[in-house]
Amino acid sequence: MIFKKSGPPEWLLVCLGNYGKQYENTRHNIGFMAAERLIDKRDLRCNRLRFRALTEVIEFGGANVLLMMPQTYMNLSG
């Protein structure tokens, strides 16, 4: 079950991609697409900007997970 959760995260899930229209639906955004699928299926939003990334704490598999979508280009994120 995946839903929005409060409390400190136990895990960190960083979904890499490149922001911008030119990268939408490309292999460069597979991490972003995976994150969006996780949150869209549960009608959540990942729109809090922290650490130069869009973030949300969700429950996934019984654990609190900090989901991050860095807002820097993939080559700068790692």
N, C-alpha and C. Protein backbone atom coordinates (compact mmCIF):
# COMPACT_ATOMS: atom_id res chain seq x y z
N MET A 1 0.84 -1.17 0.00
CA MET A 1 0.00 0.00 0.00
C MET A 1 0.89 1.24 0.00
N ILE A 2 0.55 2.20 -0.81
CA ILE A 2 1.31 3.44 -0.89
C ILE A 2 0.37 4.59 -0.57
N PHE A 3 0.73 5.39 0.40
CA PHE A 3 -0.05 6.59 0.69
C PHE A 3 0.84 7.59 1.41
N LYS A 4 0.37 8.81 1.49
CA LYS A 4 1.13 9.87 2.15
C LYS A 4 1.27 9.53 3.63
N LYS A 5 2.45 9.74 4.15
CA LYS A 5 2.74 9.36 5.52
C LYS A 5 3.49 10.48 6.21
N SER A 6 3.20 10.70 7.46
CA SER A 6 3.97 11.68 8.24
C SER A 6 4.95 10.92 9.13
N GLY A 7 5.91 11.64 9.62
CA GLY A 7 6.92 11.02 10.47
C GLY A 7 8.25 10.93 9.73
N PRO A 8 9.29 10.59 10.46
CA PRO A 8 10.62 10.55 9.84
C PRO A 8 10.75 9.38 8.86
N PRO A 9 11.42 9.59 7.74
CA PRO A 9 11.59 8.51 6.77
C PRO A 9 12.63 7.50 7.24
N GLU A 10 12.40 6.24 6.87
CA GLU A 10 13.34 5.17 7.16
C GLU A 10 14.19 4.85 5.93
N TRP A 11 13.67 5.18 4.76
CA TRP A 11 14.33 4.90 3.49
C TRP A 11 14.32 6.15 2.63
N LEU A 12 15.24 6.19 1.68
CA LEU A 12 15.31 7.28 0.72
C LEU A 12 15.25 6.67 -0.67
N LEU A 13 14.30 7.12 -1.48
CA LEU A 13 14.18 6.66 -2.87
C LEU A 13 14.38 7.88 -3.77
N VAL A 14 15.53 7.94 -4.44
CA VAL A 14 15.85 9.05 -5.33
C VAL A 14 15.59 8.61 -6.76
N CYS A 15 14.65 9.25 -7.41
CA CYS A 15 14.26 8.92 -8.79
C CYS A 15 14.86 9.96 -9.72
N LEU A 16 15.89 9.56 -10.45
CA LEU A 16 16.62 10.51 -11.29
C LEU A 16 15.91 10.78 -12.60
N GLY A 17 16.12 11.95 -13.12
CA GLY A 17 15.57 12.36 -14.41
C GLY A 17 16.04 13.76 -14.73
N ASN A 18 15.63 14.24 -15.87
CA ASN A 18 15.93 15.61 -16.27
C ASN A 18 14.61 16.36 -16.36
N TYR A 19 14.56 17.55 -15.79
CA TYR A 19 13.33 18.33 -15.84
C TYR A 19 13.28 19.11 -17.14
N GLY A 20 12.09 19.48 -17.53
CA GLY A 20 11.90 20.25 -18.75
C GLY A 20 11.12 19.48 -19.80
N LYS A 21 10.38 20.22 -20.61
CA LYS A 21 9.52 19.62 -21.64
C LYS A 21 10.29 18.75 -22.63
N GLN A 22 11.53 19.12 -22.96
CA GLN A 22 12.27 18.38 -23.97
C GLN A 22 12.62 16.96 -23.51
N TYR A 23 12.54 16.67 -22.20
CA TYR A 23 12.88 15.35 -21.69
C TYR A 23 11.66 14.51 -21.31
N GLU A 24 10.45 15.09 -21.40
CA GLU A 24 9.25 14.33 -21.04
C GLU A 24 9.13 13.09 -21.92
N ASN A 25 8.77 11.97 -21.28
CA ASN A 25 8.55 10.69 -21.97
C ASN A 25 9.77 10.22 -22.75
N THR A 26 10.96 10.47 -22.23
CA THR A 26 12.18 9.95 -22.85
C THR A 26 12.89 9.06 -21.84
N ARG A 27 13.86 8.30 -22.32
CA ARG A 27 14.62 7.41 -21.43
C ARG A 27 15.38 8.19 -20.37
N HIS A 28 15.61 9.46 -20.62
CA HIS A 28 16.31 10.30 -19.66
C HIS A 28 15.46 10.57 -18.42
N ASN A 29 14.19 10.25 -18.48
CA ASN A 29 13.27 10.53 -17.38
C ASN A 29 12.64 9.28 -16.78
N ILE A 30 13.24 8.13 -16.98
CA ILE A 30 12.63 6.90 -16.48
C ILE A 30 12.44 6.93 -14.96
N GLY A 31 13.37 7.54 -14.24
CA GLY A 31 13.22 7.65 -12.79
C GLY A 31 12.03 8.52 -12.40
N PHE A 32 11.88 9.65 -13.08
CA PHE A 32 10.73 10.53 -12.82
C PHE A 32 9.42 9.82 -13.16
N MET A 33 9.41 9.08 -14.27
CA MET A 33 8.18 8.38 -14.66
C MET A 33 7.80 7.33 -13.63
N ALA A 34 8.78 6.62 -13.07
CA ALA A 34 8.50 5.63 -12.03
C ALA A 34 7.94 6.30 -10.78
N ALA A 35 8.52 7.42 -10.37
CA ALA A 35 8.03 8.15 -9.20
C ALA A 35 6.62 8.65 -9.43
N GLU A 36 6.37 9.22 -10.60
CA GLU A 36 5.04 9.73 -10.91
C GLU A 36 4.00 8.62 -10.92
N ARG A 37 4.38 7.46 -11.38
CA ARG A 37 3.44 6.34 -11.37
C ARG A 37 3.11 5.93 -9.93
N LEU A 38 4.12 5.91 -9.07
CA LEU A 38 3.88 5.58 -7.66
C LEU A 38 2.92 6.56 -7.01
N ILE A 39 3.12 7.86 -7.23
CA ILE A 39 2.29 8.84 -6.53
C ILE A 39 0.95 9.07 -7.21
N ASP A 40 0.89 8.98 -8.54
CA ASP A 40 -0.37 9.20 -9.25
C ASP A 40 -1.39 8.11 -8.95
N LYS A 41 -0.94 6.89 -8.78
CA LYS A 41 -1.87 5.79 -8.50
C LYS A 41 -2.59 5.98 -7.18
N ARG A 42 -2.02 6.77 -6.29
CA ARG A 42 -2.62 6.99 -4.98
C ARG A 42 -3.09 8.43 -4.80
N ASP A 43 -3.16 9.18 -5.88
CA ASP A 43 -3.63 10.56 -5.85
C ASP A 43 -2.84 11.42 -4.85
N LEU A 44 -1.53 11.25 -4.85
CA LEU A 44 -0.63 12.05 -4.01
C LEU A 44 0.02 13.13 -4.85
N ARG A 45 0.74 14.02 -4.21
CA ARG A 45 1.48 15.07 -4.90
C ARG A 45 2.91 15.07 -4.38
N CYS A 46 3.84 15.21 -5.27
CA CYS A 46 5.24 15.33 -4.88
C CYS A 46 5.67 16.73 -5.30
N ASN A 47 5.28 17.73 -4.50
CA ASN A 47 5.53 19.10 -4.92
C ASN A 47 6.21 19.96 -3.85
N ARG A 48 6.71 19.34 -2.81
CA ARG A 48 7.44 20.10 -1.79
C ARG A 48 8.91 20.16 -2.22
N LEU A 49 9.44 21.36 -2.34
CA LEU A 49 10.82 21.53 -2.79
C LEU A 49 11.75 21.61 -1.58
N ARG A 50 12.61 20.59 -1.46
CA ARG A 50 13.64 20.55 -0.42
C ARG A 50 14.90 19.94 -1.03
N PHE A 51 16.04 20.42 -0.63
CA PHE A 51 17.32 19.87 -1.10
C PHE A 51 17.43 19.91 -2.62
N ARG A 52 16.86 20.93 -3.27
CA ARG A 52 16.82 21.05 -4.73
C ARG A 52 16.14 19.84 -5.38
N ALA A 53 15.11 19.32 -4.70
CA ALA A 53 14.37 18.17 -5.21
C ALA A 53 12.91 18.29 -4.78
N LEU A 54 12.01 17.77 -5.61
CA LEU A 54 10.61 17.63 -5.21
C LEU A 54 10.55 16.42 -4.30
N THR A 55 9.88 16.55 -3.16
CA THR A 55 9.90 15.48 -2.17
C THR A 55 8.50 15.19 -1.63
N GLU A 56 8.35 13.99 -1.13
CA GLU A 56 7.14 13.59 -0.40
C GLU A 56 7.50 12.37 0.43
N VAL A 57 6.98 12.29 1.64
CA VAL A 57 7.15 11.10 2.47
C VAL A 57 5.92 10.23 2.25
N ILE A 58 6.15 8.99 1.84
CA ILE A 58 5.06 8.05 1.58
C ILE A 58 5.30 6.79 2.41
N GLU A 59 4.26 6.00 2.57
CA GLU A 59 4.44 4.68 3.15
C GLU A 59 4.50 3.69 2.01
N PHE A 60 5.50 2.85 2.03
CA PHE A 60 5.68 1.85 0.98
C PHE A 60 6.18 0.58 1.65
N GLY A 61 5.40 -0.48 1.56
CA GLY A 61 5.80 -1.74 2.19
C GLY A 61 5.91 -1.66 3.70
N GLY A 62 5.12 -0.79 4.31
CA GLY A 62 5.13 -0.65 5.76
C GLY A 62 6.19 0.28 6.31
N ALA A 63 7.00 0.87 5.44
CA ALA A 63 8.07 1.77 5.88
C ALA A 63 7.82 3.18 5.37
N ASN A 64 8.25 4.17 6.13
CA ASN A 64 8.21 5.56 5.66
C ASN A 64 9.37 5.77 4.69
N VAL A 65 9.05 6.27 3.52
CA VAL A 65 10.04 6.45 2.46
C VAL A 65 10.01 7.91 2.01
N LEU A 66 11.17 8.55 1.98
CA LEU A 66 11.28 9.89 1.41
C LEU A 66 11.54 9.73 -0.08
N LEU A 67 10.56 10.09 -0.87
CA LEU A 67 10.65 10.04 -2.33
C LEU A 67 11.19 11.38 -2.81
N MET A 68 12.26 11.33 -3.61
CA MET A 68 12.89 12.56 -4.10
C MET A 68 13.01 12.53 -5.61
N MET A 69 12.69 13.66 -6.23
CA MET A 69 12.87 13.86 -7.66
C MET A 69 13.76 15.10 -7.83
N PRO A 70 15.09 14.92 -7.93
CA PRO A 70 16.00 16.06 -8.01
C PRO A 70 15.65 16.98 -9.17
N GLN A 71 15.74 18.28 -8.93
CA GLN A 71 15.44 19.28 -9.94
C GLN A 71 16.71 19.86 -10.54
N THR A 72 17.74 19.02 -10.62
CA THR A 72 18.97 19.34 -11.34
C THR A 72 19.09 18.31 -12.45
N TYR A 73 19.88 18.58 -13.45
CA TYR A 73 20.04 17.61 -14.53
C TYR A 73 20.70 16.35 -14.01
N MET A 74 20.36 15.21 -14.61
CA MET A 74 20.81 13.91 -14.14
C MET A 74 22.33 13.86 -13.97
N ASN A 75 23.08 14.44 -14.89
CA ASN A 75 24.53 14.41 -14.79
C ASN A 75 25.03 15.15 -13.55
N LEU A 76 24.24 16.07 -13.03
CA LEU A 76 24.62 16.80 -11.82
C LEU A 76 24.13 16.11 -10.55
N SER A 77 23.17 15.17 -10.71
CA SER A 77 22.59 14.48 -9.56
C SER A 77 23.35 13.22 -9.19
N GLY A 78 24.06 12.65 -10.10
CA GLY A 78 24.79 11.43 -9.79
C GLY A 78 24.66 10.45 -10.87
